[in-house]
Each structure stands twice: as C-alpha cells, then as structure tokens.
C-alpha cells in the first residue's frame, strides 16, 4: 500500500491546525524559492486561503497532514486554486495530482465549471502538474516570463464525486 492509498481527505477551515500545517509548509517552500521570511509568506497565504465560497482540503496519513490545497470562488462559474502543497517527505508519490483531482471534484460539486490557478516562475513542478492535468496556459511564454506569473485554466466537467470527511 502506498501513502496515496492510505490517505484520509478532510475538509477544514483555514485556521484549523491541519490547514496551518499545510500553509506553514508552503510558506517555508516559498521562502526558499523566492526569498523573504516564512512568516511573511504564511501571512500572505492565510489571506489567500479563503473559507467563504470555497474549501480547504487536507490529505492526512497516520494523523499527519501530507498534502493540501484550497480554492475560492471567483464568480458563479469559476474557482481559483490556491495553496496546493505536498510535504517534502511525501513528494514524487502522486499526492499533488490526487489533491488536484480532489479539488476539481469539489469545485464541480459546488457548481463551478472552470478552475484557474497561478504559479510563480520557480515552480516547474507545478507547471508540469497543471499542463499534464489538462490546464491551458493563459499567457504566451514571453508574457509569462515578463510578469513572472504563470496562469492556467481548465474547464471542469459536471458530475465528479468526492469522499471527504468533515
């Protein structure tokens, strides 16, 4: 059995300790990739992980948060993915892909039909993940390189299902 097979997916609020674990891990990751303090990044991320009109999902293995992600409502049809993270000890096991699939299913259940996500220039793994999952780049290479941000979108089909613990 792999870690991905033994996961429990839990819906949490952004102030939940499991959500804080995800946000702390992502803040440390961003401070290493982009500079700045993890405290600065944590503060920024907690404002992005909005509870209203979205969800925060955490994958837990043996009581420990190993992956997570959130989305927030942009409009009636669109949700924005945020704060997708996998712990450094659990990478290369398909957890980010599974988290993306679970978030998309939850987005579909909420009636949204489009997902958007933005990544930074120092996140090649995220770029690959979104492209492999059928996301379309929103800007041509030179535009994305100039702004430093890489936006993607994807149409989300209706009818996906998800088993989440409350």
C-alpha atoms as a PDB file:
ATOM      1  CA  UNK A   1       0.000   0.000   0.000  1.00  0.00           C
ATOM      2  CA  UNK A   2       1.290   3.444  -0.929  1.00  0.00           C
ATOM      3  CA  UNK A   3       0.861   6.664   1.025  1.00  0.00           C
ATOM      4  CA  UNK A   4      -1.683   7.800  -1.583  1.00  0.00           C
ATOM      5  CA  UNK A   5      -3.757   4.651  -0.920  1.00  0.00           C
ATOM      6  CA  UNK A   6      -3.907   5.185   2.853  1.00  0.00           C
ATOM      7  CA  UNK A   7      -4.933   8.841   2.868  1.00  0.00           C
ATOM      8  CA  UNK A   8      -7.900  10.386   4.561  1.00  0.00           C
ATOM      9  CA  UNK A   9      -9.159  13.543   2.896  1.00  0.00           C
ATOM     10  CA  UNK A  10     -10.508  16.100   5.369  1.00  0.00           C
ATOM     11  CA  UNK A  11     -12.297  19.399   4.785  1.00  0.00           C
ATOM     12  CA  UNK A  12     -11.015  22.008   7.247  1.00  0.00           C
ATOM     13  CA  UNK A  13     -11.246  25.733   7.914  1.00  0.00           C
ATOM     14  CA  UNK A  14      -8.155  27.817   7.261  1.00  0.00           C
ATOM     15  CA  UNK A  15      -7.471  28.255  10.995  1.00  0.00           C
ATOM     16  CA  UNK A  16      -7.581  24.503  11.658  1.00  0.00           C
ATOM     17  CA  UNK A  17      -4.223  23.050  12.819  1.00  0.00           C
ATOM     18  CA  UNK A  18      -4.102  20.783   9.746  1.00  0.00           C
ATOM     19  CA  UNK A  19      -4.594  23.772   7.437  1.00  0.00           C
ATOM     20  CA  UNK A  20      -1.925  25.665   9.358  1.00  0.00           C
ATOM     21  CA  UNK A  21       0.461  22.745   8.794  1.00  0.00           C
ATOM     22  CA  UNK A  22      -0.164  22.954   5.040  1.00  0.00           C
ATOM     23  CA  UNK A  23       0.228  26.737   4.991  1.00  0.00           C
ATOM     24  CA  UNK A  24       3.386  26.603   7.133  1.00  0.00           C
ATOM     25  CA  UNK A  25       4.964  24.023   4.840  1.00  0.00           C
ATOM     26  CA  UNK A  26       4.093  26.064   1.778  1.00  0.00           C
ATOM     27  CA  UNK A  27       5.407  29.247   3.424  1.00  0.00           C
ATOM     28  CA  UNK A  28       8.766  27.579   4.089  1.00  0.00           C
ATOM     29  CA  UNK A  29       8.852  26.314   0.496  1.00  0.00           C
ATOM     30  CA  UNK A  30       8.146  29.791  -0.895  1.00  0.00           C
ATOM     31  CA  UNK A  31      10.745  31.427   1.347  1.00  0.00           C
ATOM     32  CA  UNK A  32      13.368  29.027  -0.046  1.00  0.00           C
ATOM     33  CA  UNK A  33      12.304  29.533  -3.659  1.00  0.00           C
ATOM     34  CA  UNK A  34      11.517  33.254  -3.669  1.00  0.00           C
ATOM     35  CA  UNK A  35      13.211  34.725  -0.597  1.00  0.00           C
ATOM     36  CA  UNK A  36      11.614  36.556   2.269  1.00  0.00           C
ATOM     37  CA  UNK A  37      10.675  35.057   5.581  1.00  0.00           C
ATOM     38  CA  UNK A  38       8.362  32.132   6.085  1.00  0.00           C
ATOM     39  CA  UNK A  39       6.362  34.407   8.447  1.00  0.00           C
ATOM     40  CA  UNK A  40       5.743  36.836   5.575  1.00  0.00           C
ATOM     41  CA  UNK A  41       4.664  34.018   3.266  1.00  0.00           C
ATOM     42  CA  UNK A  42       2.460  32.439   5.948  1.00  0.00           C
ATOM     43  CA  UNK A  43       0.647  35.738   6.431  1.00  0.00           C
ATOM     44  CA  UNK A  44       0.156  36.107   2.677  1.00  0.00           C
ATOM     45  CA  UNK A  45      -1.068  32.524   2.275  1.00  0.00           C
ATOM     46  CA  UNK A  46      -3.574  32.709   5.116  1.00  0.00           C
ATOM     47  CA  UNK A  47      -5.275  35.622   3.375  1.00  0.00           C
ATOM     48  CA  UNK A  48      -5.433  33.622   0.116  1.00  0.00           C
ATOM     49  CA  UNK A  49      -6.952  30.512   1.701  1.00  0.00           C
ATOM     50  CA  UNK A  50     -10.427  31.991   1.922  1.00  0.00           C
ATOM     51  CA  UNK A  51     -13.172  29.999   3.657  1.00  0.00           C
ATOM     52  CA  UNK A  52     -16.171  31.761   2.108  1.00  0.00           C
ATOM     53  CA  UNK A  53     -17.183  30.352  -1.252  1.00  0.00           C
ATOM     54  CA  UNK A  54     -14.504  27.690  -1.345  1.00  0.00           C
ATOM     55  CA  UNK A  55     -12.907  24.841   0.523  1.00  0.00           C
ATOM     56  CA  UNK A  56      -9.643  23.783   2.128  1.00  0.00           C
ATOM     57  CA  UNK A  57      -8.845  20.082   1.768  1.00  0.00           C
ATOM     58  CA  UNK A  58      -6.057  18.279   3.615  1.00  0.00           C
ATOM     59  CA  UNK A  59      -4.758  14.778   2.920  1.00  0.00           C
ATOM     60  CA  UNK A  60      -3.800  13.077   6.181  1.00  0.00           C
ATOM     61  CA  UNK A  61      -1.732   9.906   6.615  1.00  0.00           C
ATOM     62  CA  UNK A  62      -1.316   8.476  10.101  1.00  0.00           C
ATOM     63  CA  UNK A  63      -2.645  11.693  11.635  1.00  0.00           C
ATOM     64  CA  UNK A  64      -0.167  13.929   9.784  1.00  0.00           C
ATOM     65  CA  UNK A  65      -1.004  16.413   7.025  1.00  0.00           C
ATOM     66  CA  UNK A  66       0.987  15.291   3.972  1.00  0.00           C
ATOM     67  CA  UNK A  67      -0.736  17.373   1.281  1.00  0.00           C
ATOM     68  CA  UNK A  68      -3.358  20.035   0.954  1.00  0.00           C
ATOM     69  CA  UNK A  69      -4.947  22.637  -1.193  1.00  0.00           C
ATOM     70  CA  UNK A  70      -7.722  25.149  -1.319  1.00  0.00           C
ATOM     71  CA  UNK A  71      -9.906  27.025  -3.732  1.00  0.00           C
ATOM     72  CA  UNK A  72     -12.010  30.125  -3.562  1.00  0.00           C
ATOM     73  CA  UNK A  73     -14.962  31.285  -5.595  1.00  0.00           C
ATOM     74  CA  UNK A  74     -14.169  33.896  -8.233  1.00  0.00           C
ATOM     75  CA  UNK A  75     -17.651  34.026  -9.791  1.00  0.00           C
ATOM     76  CA  UNK A  76     -20.612  31.702 -10.430  1.00  0.00           C
ATOM     77  CA  UNK A  77     -18.641  29.607 -12.906  1.00  0.00           C
ATOM     78  CA  UNK A  78     -15.026  29.990 -11.780  1.00  0.00           C
ATOM     79  CA  UNK A  79     -12.958  28.851  -8.802  1.00  0.00           C
ATOM     80  CA  UNK A  80      -9.319  29.742  -8.144  1.00  0.00           C
ATOM     81  CA  UNK A  81      -6.997  27.042  -6.837  1.00  0.00           C
ATOM     82  CA  UNK A  82      -4.640  28.186  -4.072  1.00  0.00           C
ATOM     83  CA  UNK A  83      -2.179  26.802  -1.555  1.00  0.00           C
ATOM     84  CA  UNK A  84      -1.556  23.406  -3.166  1.00  0.00           C
ATOM     85  CA  UNK A  85       1.279  21.724  -1.270  1.00  0.00           C
ATOM     86  CA  UNK A  86       2.844  18.319  -0.617  1.00  0.00           C
ATOM     87  CA  UNK A  87       5.219  17.721   2.295  1.00  0.00           C
ATOM     88  CA  UNK A  88       8.835  17.335   1.240  1.00  0.00           C
ATOM     89  CA  UNK A  89       8.916  13.786   2.647  1.00  0.00           C
ATOM     90  CA  UNK A  90       5.863  12.736   0.607  1.00  0.00           C
ATOM     91  CA  UNK A  91       6.748  14.115  -2.823  1.00  0.00           C
ATOM     92  CA  UNK A  92       7.057  12.094  -6.025  1.00  0.00           C
ATOM     93  CA  UNK A  93       4.189   9.804  -4.930  1.00  0.00           C
ATOM     94  CA  UNK A  94       1.298  11.327  -6.861  1.00  0.00           C
ATOM     95  CA  UNK A  95      -0.155  13.276  -3.939  1.00  0.00           C
ATOM     96  CA  UNK A  96      -0.227  16.649  -5.716  1.00  0.00           C
ATOM     97  CA  UNK A  97      -2.054  15.056  -8.637  1.00  0.00           C
ATOM     98  CA  UNK A  98      -4.526  13.403  -6.283  1.00  0.00           C
ATOM     99  CA  UNK A  99      -5.067  16.675  -4.419  1.00  0.00           C
ATOM    100  CA  UNK A 100      -5.713  18.437  -7.731  1.00  0.00           C
ATOM    101  CA  UNK A 101      -8.266  15.788  -8.757  1.00  0.00           C
ATOM    102  CA  UNK A 102      -9.994  16.022  -5.362  1.00  0.00           C
ATOM    103  CA  UNK A 103     -10.119  19.824  -5.514  1.00  0.00           C
ATOM    104  CA  UNK A 104     -11.535  19.699  -9.053  1.00  0.00           C
ATOM    105  CA  UNK A 105     -14.221  17.234  -7.913  1.00  0.00           C
ATOM    106  CA  UNK A 106     -15.172  19.522  -5.047  1.00  0.00           C
ATOM    107  CA  UNK A 107     -15.233  22.503  -7.404  1.00  0.00           C
ATOM    108  CA  UNK A 108     -17.586  20.599  -9.715  1.00  0.00           C
ATOM    109  CA  UNK A 109     -19.854  19.647  -6.797  1.00  0.00           C
ATOM    110  CA  UNK A 110     -20.149  23.354  -5.956  1.00  0.00           C
ATOM    111  CA  UNK A 111     -21.382  24.069  -9.489  1.00  0.00           C
ATOM    112  CA  UNK A 112     -18.274  25.758 -10.858  1.00  0.00           C
ATOM    113  CA  UNK A 113     -17.301  24.839 -14.403  1.00  0.00           C
ATOM    114  CA  UNK A 114     -13.867  26.436 -14.651  1.00  0.00           C
ATOM    115  CA  UNK A 115     -10.758  26.410 -12.490  1.00  0.00           C
ATOM    116  CA  UNK A 116      -7.904  28.910 -12.677  1.00  0.00           C
ATOM    117  CA  UNK A 117      -4.523  28.804 -10.962  1.00  0.00           C
ATOM    118  CA  UNK A 118      -1.409  30.981 -10.946  1.00  0.00           C
ATOM    119  CA  UNK A 119       2.114  29.789 -10.214  1.00  0.00           C
ATOM    120  CA  UNK A 120       5.440  31.529  -9.968  1.00  0.00           C
ATOM    121  CA  UNK A 121       8.470  31.161 -12.220  1.00  0.00           C
ATOM    122  CA  UNK A 122      10.340  28.961  -9.724  1.00  0.00           C
ATOM    123  CA  UNK A 123       7.709  26.224  -9.609  1.00  0.00           C
ATOM    124  CA  UNK A 124       8.428  23.969 -12.603  1.00  0.00           C
ATOM    125  CA  UNK A 125       6.811  21.006 -10.853  1.00  0.00           C
ATOM    126  CA  UNK A 126       3.532  22.935 -10.599  1.00  0.00           C
ATOM    127  CA  UNK A 127       3.713  23.996 -14.248  1.00  0.00           C
ATOM    128  CA  UNK A 128       4.147  20.355 -15.259  1.00  0.00           C
ATOM    129  CA  UNK A 129       1.348  19.197 -12.964  1.00  0.00           C
ATOM    130  CA  UNK A 130      -1.171  21.644 -14.406  1.00  0.00           C
ATOM    131  CA  UNK A 131      -0.192  21.018 -18.023  1.00  0.00           C
ATOM    132  CA  UNK A 132      -0.359  17.234 -17.505  1.00  0.00           C
ATOM    133  CA  UNK A 133      -3.799  17.637 -15.901  1.00  0.00           C
ATOM    134  CA  UNK A 134      -5.184  19.446 -18.956  1.00  0.00           C
ATOM    135  CA  UNK A 135      -4.816  23.059 -17.851  1.00  0.00           C
ATOM    136  CA  UNK A 136      -4.231  25.652 -20.561  1.00  0.00           C
ATOM    137  CA  UNK A 137      -1.609  28.401 -20.189  1.00  0.00           C
ATOM    138  CA  UNK A 138      -3.292  31.815 -20.104  1.00  0.00           C
ATOM    139  CA  UNK A 139      -0.320  33.800 -21.405  1.00  0.00           C
ATOM    140  CA  UNK A 140       2.221  33.116 -24.092  1.00  0.00           C
ATOM    141  CA  UNK A 141       5.711  32.239 -22.875  1.00  0.00           C
ATOM    142  CA  UNK A 142       7.187  35.722 -23.232  1.00  0.00           C
ATOM    143  CA  UNK A 143       4.267  37.373 -21.419  1.00  0.00           C
ATOM    144  CA  UNK A 144       4.502  34.909 -18.534  1.00  0.00           C
ATOM    145  CA  UNK A 145       8.266  35.315 -18.400  1.00  0.00           C
ATOM    146  CA  UNK A 146       7.916  39.096 -18.305  1.00  0.00           C
ATOM    147  CA  UNK A 147       5.360  39.140 -15.470  1.00  0.00           C
ATOM    148  CA  UNK A 148       6.888  36.211 -13.597  1.00  0.00           C
ATOM    149  CA  UNK A 149       3.459  34.678 -13.038  1.00  0.00           C
ATOM    150  CA  UNK A 150       2.114  31.729 -14.961  1.00  0.00           C
ATOM    151  CA  UNK A 151      -1.668  31.458 -15.158  1.00  0.00           C
ATOM    152  CA  UNK A 152      -3.590  28.364 -16.221  1.00  0.00           C
ATOM    153  CA  UNK A 153      -7.243  27.449 -16.629  1.00  0.00           C
ATOM    154  CA  UNK A 154      -9.314  24.336 -17.210  1.00  0.00           C
ATOM    155  CA  UNK A 155     -12.938  23.543 -17.898  1.00  0.00           C
ATOM    156  CA  UNK A 156     -14.306  21.360 -15.094  1.00  0.00           C
ATOM    157  CA  UNK A 157     -16.946  18.823 -16.129  1.00  0.00           C
ATOM    158  CA  UNK A 158     -20.047  18.341 -14.015  1.00  0.00           C
ATOM    159  CA  UNK A 159     -20.673  15.080 -12.204  1.00  0.00           C
ATOM    160  CA  UNK A 160     -17.391  14.448 -10.375  1.00  0.00           C
ATOM    161  CA  UNK A 161     -17.718  12.854  -6.945  1.00  0.00           C
ATOM    162  CA  UNK A 162     -15.558  13.142  -3.861  1.00  0.00           C
ATOM    163  CA  UNK A 163     -15.455  11.443  -0.481  1.00  0.00           C
ATOM    164  CA  UNK A 164     -14.397  13.953   2.151  1.00  0.00           C
ATOM    165  CA  UNK A 165     -14.522  13.665   5.929  1.00  0.00           C
ATOM    166  CA  UNK A 166     -15.998  16.657   7.715  1.00  0.00           C
END
